[in-house]
Amino acid sequence: MERGERKVVVDASVAVKWFVEEEYTREALLLRESYLEGLVELIAPCLLPYEVLNALKYSAAFGEDELKEIASALESLQIRLYSLEGNYAATTIEVAMRSGLTIYDASYIGLALVEKATLYTADEKLLKKAGSLGIAKHIRDYKVP
């Protein structure tokens, strides 16, 4: 198994695919199923639910009640969410300053670095910035461990 394959940072571009049919939804659902079966541990910055719900709100595909159900579904998954503090905060800031990414995006990379995890994303810009660090993979490449 490769670096941190058991511990996976999931970003909003992947988690959104759990609720809408898009390109690579199948792979995103495979990752979620792997988590539910205990094959991987999913972790994320504490902003993940906000980003997912915001993206779904602006997709105009979901109403208020549906978004409330999705918020509940995200909570019930019990993904370990990390607050931005300590070494994680410092690493995130370093990544943001050196890469030109927002603190939001850098927080996913920072978490993967600090937790020695693999980041799965569908965000090409994020993948490109994280590529040289060897910690990120596109969700299309996800395989069940």
N, C-alpha and C. Protein backbone atom coordinates (compact mmCIF):
# COMPACT_ATOMS: atom_id res chain seq x y z
N MET A 1 0.84 -1.18 0.00
CA MET A 1 0.00 0.00 0.00
C MET A 1 0.89 1.25 0.00
N GLU A 2 0.51 2.28 -0.75
CA GLU A 2 1.30 3.49 -0.88
C GLU A 2 1.16 4.39 0.35
N ARG A 3 1.89 5.50 0.32
CA ARG A 3 1.89 6.49 1.39
C ARG A 3 0.48 6.83 1.82
N GLY A 4 0.17 6.61 3.07
CA GLY A 4 -1.09 7.06 3.64
C GLY A 4 -2.34 6.57 2.96
N GLU A 5 -2.27 5.49 2.22
CA GLU A 5 -3.45 5.02 1.51
C GLU A 5 -4.58 4.63 2.47
N ARG A 6 -4.23 4.26 3.67
CA ARG A 6 -5.26 3.89 4.63
C ARG A 6 -5.93 5.13 5.21
N LYS A 7 -5.18 6.22 5.33
CA LYS A 7 -5.72 7.48 5.83
C LYS A 7 -5.87 8.41 4.63
N VAL A 8 -7.09 8.86 4.38
CA VAL A 8 -7.39 9.64 3.18
C VAL A 8 -8.02 10.98 3.55
N VAL A 9 -7.44 12.05 3.03
CA VAL A 9 -8.07 13.37 3.12
C VAL A 9 -9.02 13.48 1.94
N VAL A 10 -10.27 13.74 2.24
CA VAL A 10 -11.28 13.90 1.19
C VAL A 10 -11.61 15.38 1.08
N ASP A 11 -11.64 15.90 -0.13
CA ASP A 11 -11.97 17.32 -0.28
C ASP A 11 -13.40 17.48 -0.79
N ALA A 12 -13.86 18.72 -0.80
CA ALA A 12 -15.26 19.00 -1.15
C ALA A 12 -15.58 18.60 -2.59
N SER A 13 -14.61 18.70 -3.49
CA SER A 13 -14.88 18.33 -4.89
C SER A 13 -15.22 16.86 -5.02
N VAL A 14 -14.75 16.04 -4.09
CA VAL A 14 -15.07 14.61 -4.07
C VAL A 14 -16.37 14.38 -3.31
N ALA A 15 -16.50 14.99 -2.14
CA ALA A 15 -17.68 14.77 -1.30
C ALA A 15 -18.97 15.23 -1.98
N VAL A 16 -18.90 16.28 -2.78
CA VAL A 16 -20.08 16.74 -3.53
C VAL A 16 -20.61 15.62 -4.42
N LYS A 17 -19.72 14.83 -4.97
CA LYS A 17 -20.10 13.75 -5.89
C LYS A 17 -20.87 12.63 -5.18
N TRP A 18 -20.89 12.62 -3.87
CA TRP A 18 -21.69 11.64 -3.13
C TRP A 18 -23.18 11.97 -3.25
N PHE A 19 -23.49 13.20 -3.67
CA PHE A 19 -24.88 13.66 -3.69
C PHE A 19 -25.38 14.07 -5.07
N VAL A 20 -24.49 14.22 -6.04
CA VAL A 20 -24.90 14.56 -7.41
C VAL A 20 -24.15 13.67 -8.39
N GLU A 21 -24.80 13.39 -9.48
CA GLU A 21 -24.18 12.58 -10.54
C GLU A 21 -23.33 13.50 -11.40
N GLU A 22 -22.03 13.29 -11.35
CA GLU A 22 -21.07 14.06 -12.13
C GLU A 22 -20.01 13.10 -12.64
N GLU A 23 -19.09 13.65 -13.41
CA GLU A 23 -17.95 12.84 -13.82
C GLU A 23 -17.19 12.40 -12.57
N TYR A 24 -16.83 11.14 -12.52
CA TYR A 24 -16.10 10.50 -11.41
C TYR A 24 -16.94 10.28 -10.15
N THR A 25 -18.26 10.37 -10.28
CA THR A 25 -19.12 10.06 -9.13
C THR A 25 -18.91 8.61 -8.69
N ARG A 26 -18.76 7.71 -9.63
CA ARG A 26 -18.57 6.29 -9.29
C ARG A 26 -17.35 6.10 -8.39
N GLU A 27 -16.26 6.75 -8.73
CA GLU A 27 -15.03 6.62 -7.94
C GLU A 27 -15.19 7.26 -6.56
N ALA A 28 -15.89 8.40 -6.52
CA ALA A 28 -16.14 9.07 -5.23
C ALA A 28 -16.99 8.18 -4.33
N LEU A 29 -17.98 7.53 -4.92
CA LEU A 29 -18.83 6.62 -4.13
C LEU A 29 -18.04 5.39 -3.67
N LEU A 30 -17.10 4.93 -4.49
CA LEU A 30 -16.23 3.82 -4.08
C LEU A 30 -15.40 4.20 -2.86
N LEU A 31 -14.89 5.42 -2.85
CA LEU A 31 -14.12 5.89 -1.70
C LEU A 31 -15.00 5.92 -0.45
N ARG A 32 -16.21 6.45 -0.59
CA ARG A 32 -17.12 6.49 0.57
C ARG A 32 -17.44 5.09 1.06
N GLU A 33 -17.69 4.17 0.14
CA GLU A 33 -17.98 2.78 0.53
C GLU A 33 -16.78 2.14 1.22
N SER A 34 -15.58 2.43 0.73
CA SER A 34 -14.37 1.91 1.38
C SER A 34 -14.29 2.40 2.82
N TYR A 35 -14.68 3.65 3.04
CA TYR A 35 -14.70 4.21 4.39
C TYR A 35 -15.75 3.50 5.25
N LEU A 36 -16.94 3.35 4.70
CA LEU A 36 -18.03 2.71 5.46
C LEU A 36 -17.71 1.26 5.80
N GLU A 37 -16.91 0.62 4.96
CA GLU A 37 -16.50 -0.77 5.21
C GLU A 37 -15.25 -0.87 6.07
N GLY A 38 -14.70 0.28 6.49
CA GLY A 38 -13.54 0.28 7.36
C GLY A 38 -12.22 0.03 6.66
N LEU A 39 -12.21 0.14 5.34
CA LEU A 39 -10.97 -0.09 4.58
C LEU A 39 -10.05 1.13 4.58
N VAL A 40 -10.63 2.31 4.71
CA VAL A 40 -9.86 3.55 4.80
C VAL A 40 -10.47 4.42 5.89
N GLU A 41 -9.66 5.35 6.38
CA GLU A 41 -10.13 6.35 7.33
C GLU A 41 -10.23 7.67 6.58
N LEU A 42 -11.40 8.29 6.58
CA LEU A 42 -11.57 9.59 5.93
C LEU A 42 -11.37 10.70 6.95
N ILE A 43 -10.57 11.68 6.58
CA ILE A 43 -10.36 12.87 7.40
C ILE A 43 -10.48 14.09 6.50
N ALA A 44 -10.74 15.24 7.12
CA ALA A 44 -10.90 16.47 6.34
C ALA A 44 -10.78 17.69 7.24
N PRO A 45 -10.48 18.84 6.64
CA PRO A 45 -10.55 20.08 7.41
C PRO A 45 -12.00 20.31 7.87
N CYS A 46 -12.17 21.03 8.96
CA CYS A 46 -13.52 21.24 9.49
C CYS A 46 -14.40 22.05 8.55
N LEU A 47 -13.84 22.65 7.53
CA LEU A 47 -14.65 23.41 6.59
C LEU A 47 -15.34 22.53 5.54
N LEU A 48 -15.05 21.25 5.51
CA LEU A 48 -15.63 20.36 4.49
C LEU A 48 -17.16 20.46 4.40
N PRO A 49 -17.91 20.32 5.49
CA PRO A 49 -19.37 20.38 5.35
C PRO A 49 -19.86 21.72 4.79
N TYR A 50 -19.21 22.81 5.17
CA TYR A 50 -19.59 24.13 4.66
C TYR A 50 -19.39 24.19 3.15
N GLU A 51 -18.25 23.72 2.69
CA GLU A 51 -17.95 23.77 1.26
C GLU A 51 -18.89 22.89 0.46
N VAL A 52 -19.18 21.70 0.97
CA VAL A 52 -20.08 20.78 0.26
C VAL A 52 -21.47 21.38 0.17
N LEU A 53 -22.00 21.83 1.30
CA LEU A 53 -23.35 22.39 1.30
C LEU A 53 -23.43 23.65 0.45
N ASN A 54 -22.40 24.48 0.47
CA ASN A 54 -22.39 25.69 -0.34
C ASN A 54 -22.39 25.35 -1.83
N ALA A 55 -21.58 24.39 -2.23
CA ALA A 55 -21.54 23.98 -3.64
C ALA A 55 -22.89 23.43 -4.08
N LEU A 56 -23.51 22.63 -3.23
CA LEU A 56 -24.81 22.04 -3.59
C LEU A 56 -25.90 23.10 -3.61
N LYS A 57 -25.85 24.07 -2.71
CA LYS A 57 -26.82 25.17 -2.70
C LYS A 57 -26.75 25.93 -4.02
N TYR A 58 -25.54 26.25 -4.44
CA TYR A 58 -25.38 27.04 -5.66
C TYR A 58 -25.54 26.23 -6.94
N SER A 59 -25.64 24.92 -6.82
CA SER A 59 -25.92 24.10 -8.00
C SER A 59 -27.38 24.24 -8.40
N ALA A 60 -28.21 24.76 -7.50
CA ALA A 60 -29.65 24.95 -7.71
C ALA A 60 -30.39 23.64 -7.88
N ALA A 61 -29.75 22.53 -7.58
CA ALA A 61 -30.39 21.22 -7.71
C ALA A 61 -31.08 20.79 -6.42
N PHE A 62 -30.84 21.54 -5.33
CA PHE A 62 -31.35 21.13 -4.03
C PHE A 62 -32.07 22.28 -3.35
N GLY A 63 -33.18 21.94 -2.70
CA GLY A 63 -33.91 22.91 -1.91
C GLY A 63 -33.46 22.87 -0.46
N GLU A 64 -34.11 23.69 0.34
CA GLU A 64 -33.75 23.81 1.75
C GLU A 64 -33.84 22.48 2.50
N ASP A 65 -34.94 21.77 2.33
CA ASP A 65 -35.11 20.50 3.05
C ASP A 65 -34.08 19.46 2.61
N GLU A 66 -33.79 19.43 1.32
CA GLU A 66 -32.79 18.48 0.82
C GLU A 66 -31.40 18.80 1.38
N LEU A 67 -31.07 20.08 1.45
CA LEU A 67 -29.77 20.47 2.00
C LEU A 67 -29.67 20.10 3.48
N LYS A 68 -30.78 20.23 4.19
CA LYS A 68 -30.79 19.82 5.60
C LYS A 68 -30.55 18.32 5.73
N GLU A 69 -31.14 17.55 4.82
CA GLU A 69 -30.92 16.09 4.83
C GLU A 69 -29.46 15.76 4.51
N ILE A 70 -28.89 16.48 3.57
CA ILE A 70 -27.49 16.26 3.21
C ILE A 70 -26.58 16.62 4.37
N ALA A 71 -26.88 17.73 5.06
CA ALA A 71 -26.09 18.11 6.25
C ALA A 71 -26.13 16.99 7.28
N SER A 72 -27.30 16.42 7.47
CA SER A 72 -27.45 15.31 8.41
C SER A 72 -26.68 14.08 7.95
N ALA A 73 -26.74 13.81 6.65
CA ALA A 73 -26.01 12.66 6.09
C ALA A 73 -24.51 12.83 6.26
N LEU A 74 -24.01 14.03 6.02
CA LEU A 74 -22.58 14.29 6.22
C LEU A 74 -22.19 14.09 7.68
N GLU A 75 -23.02 14.58 8.58
CA GLU A 75 -22.75 14.42 10.00
C GLU A 75 -22.74 12.95 10.40
N SER A 76 -23.68 12.18 9.86
CA SER A 76 -23.79 10.77 10.23
C SER A 76 -22.60 9.94 9.73
N LEU A 77 -21.89 10.43 8.72
CA LEU A 77 -20.70 9.73 8.24
C LEU A 77 -19.58 9.76 9.28
N GLN A 78 -19.60 10.74 10.14
CA GLN A 78 -18.61 10.89 11.21
C GLN A 78 -17.17 10.91 10.69
N ILE A 79 -16.99 11.65 9.61
CA ILE A 79 -15.64 11.88 9.10
C ILE A 79 -14.90 12.70 10.15
N ARG A 80 -13.68 12.34 10.43
CA ARG A 80 -12.90 13.07 11.43
C ARG A 80 -12.51 14.43 10.84
N LEU A 81 -13.03 15.50 11.45
CA LEU A 81 -12.79 16.86 10.98
C LEU A 81 -11.77 17.55 11.88
N TYR A 82 -10.81 18.23 11.26
CA TYR A 82 -9.72 18.87 11.98
C TYR A 82 -9.89 20.39 12.00
N SER A 83 -9.74 20.96 13.18
CA SER A 83 -9.71 22.42 13.34
C SER A 83 -8.32 22.91 12.95
N LEU A 84 -8.28 24.12 12.44
CA LEU A 84 -7.01 24.70 11.99
C LEU A 84 -6.26 25.26 13.19
N GLU A 85 -5.33 24.46 13.72
CA GLU A 85 -4.56 24.87 14.90
C GLU A 85 -3.22 24.16 14.93
N GLY A 86 -2.31 24.70 15.71
CA GLY A 86 -1.01 24.08 15.92
C GLY A 86 -0.21 23.88 14.64
N ASN A 87 0.45 22.73 14.56
CA ASN A 87 1.29 22.39 13.41
C ASN A 87 0.48 22.35 12.11
N TYR A 88 -0.76 21.92 12.21
CA TYR A 88 -1.63 21.88 11.03
C TYR A 88 -1.85 23.30 10.49
N ALA A 89 -2.10 24.26 11.37
CA ALA A 89 -2.29 25.65 10.93
C ALA A 89 -1.01 26.19 10.29
N ALA A 90 0.12 25.94 10.94
CA ALA A 90 1.40 26.44 10.42
C ALA A 90 1.70 25.85 9.04
N THR A 91 1.47 24.55 8.90
CA THR A 91 1.73 23.88 7.62
C THR A 91 0.80 24.41 6.53
N THR A 92 -0.46 24.62 6.87
CA THR A 92 -1.44 25.15 5.91
C THR A 92 -1.03 26.53 5.42
N ILE A 93 -0.60 27.38 6.33
CA ILE A 93 -0.17 28.73 5.96
C ILE A 93 1.06 28.67 5.06
N GLU A 94 2.01 27.82 5.39
CA GLU A 94 3.20 27.67 4.54
C GLU A 94 2.81 27.23 3.13
N VAL A 95 1.92 26.25 3.04
CA VAL A 95 1.47 25.77 1.73
C VAL A 95 0.79 26.90 0.96
N ALA A 96 -0.10 27.63 1.61
CA ALA A 96 -0.83 28.72 0.95
C ALA A 96 0.12 29.80 0.44
N MET A 97 1.08 30.18 1.26
CA MET A 97 2.00 31.25 0.89
C MET A 97 2.94 30.83 -0.24
N ARG A 98 3.36 29.58 -0.23
CA ARG A 98 4.32 29.12 -1.25
C ARG A 98 3.66 28.73 -2.56
N SER A 99 2.37 28.37 -2.51
CA SER A 99 1.71 27.86 -3.71
C SER A 99 0.75 28.86 -4.35
N GLY A 100 0.38 29.89 -3.60
CA GLY A 100 -0.60 30.84 -4.12
C GLY A 100 -2.03 30.36 -3.97
N LEU A 101 -2.23 29.26 -3.26
CA LEU A 101 -3.58 28.75 -3.01
C LEU A 101 -4.25 29.54 -1.89
N THR A 102 -5.57 29.46 -1.84
CA THR A 102 -6.29 30.03 -0.71
C THR A 102 -5.99 29.19 0.53
N ILE A 103 -6.21 29.76 1.69
CA ILE A 103 -6.07 29.01 2.93
C ILE A 103 -7.03 27.82 2.91
N TYR A 104 -8.22 28.03 2.35
CA TYR A 104 -9.21 26.94 2.27
C TYR A 104 -8.62 25.73 1.54
N ASP A 105 -8.13 25.97 0.33
CA ASP A 105 -7.57 24.87 -0.46
C ASP A 105 -6.30 24.31 0.17
N ALA A 106 -5.46 25.19 0.67
CA ALA A 106 -4.21 24.75 1.29
C ALA A 106 -4.46 23.90 2.53
N SER A 107 -5.62 24.08 3.17
CA SER A 107 -5.91 23.30 4.39
C SER A 107 -6.03 21.81 4.09
N TYR A 108 -6.47 21.44 2.89
CA TYR A 108 -6.54 20.03 2.52
C TYR A 108 -5.13 19.45 2.34
N ILE A 109 -4.27 20.21 1.67
CA ILE A 109 -2.89 19.77 1.47
C ILE A 109 -2.15 19.73 2.81
N GLY A 110 -2.34 20.77 3.61
CA GLY A 110 -1.70 20.82 4.92
C GLY A 110 -2.07 19.64 5.79
N LEU A 111 -3.34 19.26 5.75
CA LEU A 111 -3.79 18.12 6.55
C LEU A 111 -3.15 16.83 6.06
N ALA A 112 -3.09 16.66 4.75
CA ALA A 112 -2.45 15.46 4.20
C ALA A 112 -0.98 15.39 4.61
N LEU A 113 -0.30 16.51 4.60
CA LEU A 113 1.11 16.54 5.00
C LEU A 113 1.29 16.19 6.47
N VAL A 114 0.51 16.84 7.33
CA VAL A 114 0.64 16.64 8.77
C VAL A 114 0.24 15.23 9.19
N GLU A 115 -0.81 14.70 8.58
CA GLU A 115 -1.32 13.38 8.95
C GLU A 115 -0.72 12.24 8.12
N LYS A 116 0.21 12.59 7.22
CA LYS A 116 0.84 11.59 6.35
C LYS A 116 -0.23 10.76 5.63
N ALA A 117 -1.17 11.47 5.05
CA ALA A 117 -2.31 10.87 4.37
C ALA A 117 -2.24 11.17 2.88
N THR A 118 -3.09 10.50 2.12
CA THR A 118 -3.24 10.77 0.70
C THR A 118 -4.47 11.64 0.50
N LEU A 119 -4.32 12.72 -0.24
CA LEU A 119 -5.43 13.60 -0.56
C LEU A 119 -6.04 13.16 -1.88
N TYR A 120 -7.36 12.90 -1.87
CA TYR A 120 -8.08 12.63 -3.12
C TYR A 120 -8.93 13.85 -3.45
N THR A 121 -8.83 14.30 -4.70
CA THR A 121 -9.53 15.48 -5.16
C THR A 121 -9.97 15.31 -6.60
N ALA A 122 -10.94 16.11 -7.01
CA ALA A 122 -11.33 16.21 -8.42
C ALA A 122 -10.98 17.61 -8.93
N ASP A 123 -10.34 18.40 -8.09
CA ASP A 123 -9.97 19.78 -8.39
C ASP A 123 -8.60 19.79 -9.08
N GLU A 124 -8.60 20.04 -10.37
CA GLU A 124 -7.36 20.00 -11.16
C GLU A 124 -6.33 21.03 -10.67
N LYS A 125 -6.80 22.21 -10.30
CA LYS A 125 -5.89 23.26 -9.81
C LYS A 125 -5.21 22.81 -8.52
N LEU A 126 -5.98 22.26 -7.62
CA LEU A 126 -5.42 21.77 -6.35
C LEU A 126 -4.45 20.62 -6.60
N LEU A 127 -4.83 19.73 -7.49
CA LEU A 127 -3.97 18.59 -7.81
C LEU A 127 -2.64 19.06 -8.39
N LYS A 128 -2.70 20.04 -9.26
CA LYS A 128 -1.47 20.57 -9.87
C LYS A 128 -0.55 21.18 -8.81
N LYS A 129 -1.12 21.93 -7.89
CA LYS A 129 -0.32 22.57 -6.84
C LYS A 129 0.25 21.54 -5.86
N ALA A 130 -0.50 20.48 -5.60
CA ALA A 130 -0.06 19.46 -4.64
C ALA A 130 0.78 18.38 -5.30
N GLY A 131 0.76 18.34 -6.61
CA GLY A 131 1.44 17.28 -7.35
C GLY A 131 2.90 17.09 -7.02
N SER A 132 3.62 18.18 -6.87
CA SER A 132 5.06 18.09 -6.60
C SER A 132 5.35 17.55 -5.20
N LEU A 133 4.35 17.57 -4.33
CA LEU A 133 4.54 17.07 -2.96
C LEU A 133 4.33 15.56 -2.85
N GLY A 134 3.75 14.97 -3.89
CA GLY A 134 3.54 13.53 -3.90
C GLY A 134 2.50 13.04 -2.91
N ILE A 135 1.54 13.90 -2.57
CA ILE A 135 0.53 13.51 -1.57
C ILE A 135 -0.89 13.45 -2.12
N ALA A 136 -1.08 13.89 -3.36
CA ALA A 136 -2.44 14.01 -3.89
C ALA A 136 -2.65 13.14 -5.12
N LYS A 137 -3.89 12.67 -5.24
CA LYS A 137 -4.29 11.88 -6.40
C LYS A 137 -5.66 12.35 -6.86
N HIS A 138 -5.90 12.21 -8.15
CA HIS A 138 -7.22 12.51 -8.68
C HIS A 138 -8.16 11.38 -8.29
N ILE A 139 -9.39 11.73 -8.01
CA ILE A 139 -10.37 10.71 -7.59
C ILE A 139 -10.58 9.66 -8.68
N ARG A 140 -10.36 10.01 -9.93
CA ARG A 140 -10.52 9.03 -11.01
C ARG A 140 -9.58 7.84 -10.83
N ASP A 141 -8.49 8.04 -10.08
CA ASP A 141 -7.49 6.99 -9.87
C ASP A 141 -7.73 6.17 -8.61
N TYR A 142 -8.84 6.43 -7.91
CA TYR A 142 -9.09 5.70 -6.66
C TYR A 142 -9.39 4.23 -6.94
N LYS A 143 -8.73 3.38 -6.20
CA LYS A 143 -8.96 1.93 -6.25
C LYS A 143 -9.19 1.45 -4.83
N VAL A 144 -10.12 0.53 -4.66
CA VAL A 144 -10.40 -0.02 -3.33
C VAL A 144 -9.16 -0.76 -2.84
N PRO A 145 -8.71 -0.45 -1.60
CA PRO A 145 -7.50 -1.12 -1.08
C PRO A 145 -7.73 -2.61 -0.83
